[in-house]
């Protein structure tokens, strides 16, 4: 099931920091779908993505933690 943006943000807040694989496993979706979802959140400035080695780590932007 593909999560709605609000649901995905709540998951990230609860489990932060998370990587794309954690999101994909939790929602039983593929990494390409995770990329699309995270890209949309990043464009809206809700999250930041950091590349650490081969992992992409997703974190809530500082001003959005209470959103």
Protein backbone atom coordinates (compact mmCIF):
# COMPACT_ATOMS: atom_id res chain seq x y z
CA UNK A 1 0.00 0.00 0.00
CA UNK A 2 1.42 3.36 -1.01
CA UNK A 3 1.28 5.76 1.94
CA UNK A 4 -0.16 9.24 1.78
CA UNK A 5 2.30 12.07 2.43
CA UNK A 6 1.01 12.70 5.95
CA UNK A 7 1.32 9.02 6.84
CA UNK A 8 4.84 8.86 5.44
CA UNK A 9 5.87 11.97 7.37
CA UNK A 10 4.57 10.41 10.59
CA UNK A 11 6.55 7.24 9.89
CA UNK A 12 9.73 9.26 9.29
CA UNK A 13 9.19 11.30 12.48
CA UNK A 14 8.63 8.16 14.53
CA UNK A 15 11.60 6.19 13.17
CA UNK A 16 14.01 8.97 12.22
CA UNK A 17 16.57 8.68 10.79
CA UNK A 18 15.30 6.26 8.14
CA UNK A 19 16.64 5.12 4.81
CA UNK A 20 14.77 4.30 1.61
CA UNK A 21 14.97 0.56 2.25
CA UNK A 22 13.30 0.86 5.66
CA UNK A 23 10.40 2.77 4.09
CA UNK A 24 10.14 0.29 1.21
CA UNK A 25 10.05 -2.71 3.57
CA UNK A 26 7.55 -1.16 5.97
CA UNK A 27 5.06 -0.24 3.23
CA UNK A 28 5.88 -3.22 0.95
CA UNK A 29 6.72 -0.95 -1.98
CA UNK A 30 9.76 -0.77 -4.23
CA UNK A 31 12.62 1.70 -3.87
CA UNK A 32 11.61 3.58 -7.04
CA UNK A 33 8.24 4.36 -5.45
CA UNK A 34 10.00 5.51 -2.28
CA UNK A 35 12.17 7.80 -4.39
CA UNK A 36 9.07 9.38 -5.97
CA UNK A 37 7.41 9.86 -2.58
CA UNK A 38 10.50 11.34 -0.92
CA UNK A 39 11.22 13.60 -3.92
CA UNK A 40 7.72 15.08 -3.54
CA UNK A 41 8.27 15.70 0.19
CA UNK A 42 11.69 17.19 -0.49
CA UNK A 43 10.25 19.61 -3.07
CA UNK A 44 7.73 20.76 -0.47
CA UNK A 45 10.66 21.23 1.95
CA UNK A 46 9.30 18.79 4.55
CA UNK A 47 12.33 16.48 4.51
CA UNK A 48 16.02 16.45 3.70
CA UNK A 49 17.93 13.57 2.19
CA UNK A 50 21.59 12.91 2.95
CA UNK A 51 23.72 10.44 1.06
CA UNK A 52 25.82 8.40 3.46
CA UNK A 53 27.76 5.84 1.51
CA UNK A 54 25.27 3.83 -0.51
CA UNK A 55 22.37 4.86 1.76
CA UNK A 56 20.00 7.76 1.40
CA UNK A 57 18.98 8.93 4.86
CA UNK A 58 15.69 10.83 5.22
CA UNK A 59 15.14 13.33 8.02
CA UNK A 60 12.41 15.83 8.80
CA UNK A 61 13.53 19.42 8.23
CA UNK A 62 14.10 21.22 11.53
CA UNK A 63 11.20 23.65 11.18
CA UNK A 64 8.77 20.84 10.28
CA UNK A 65 9.14 18.59 13.33
CA UNK A 66 5.92 19.84 14.87
CA UNK A 67 3.94 19.99 11.64
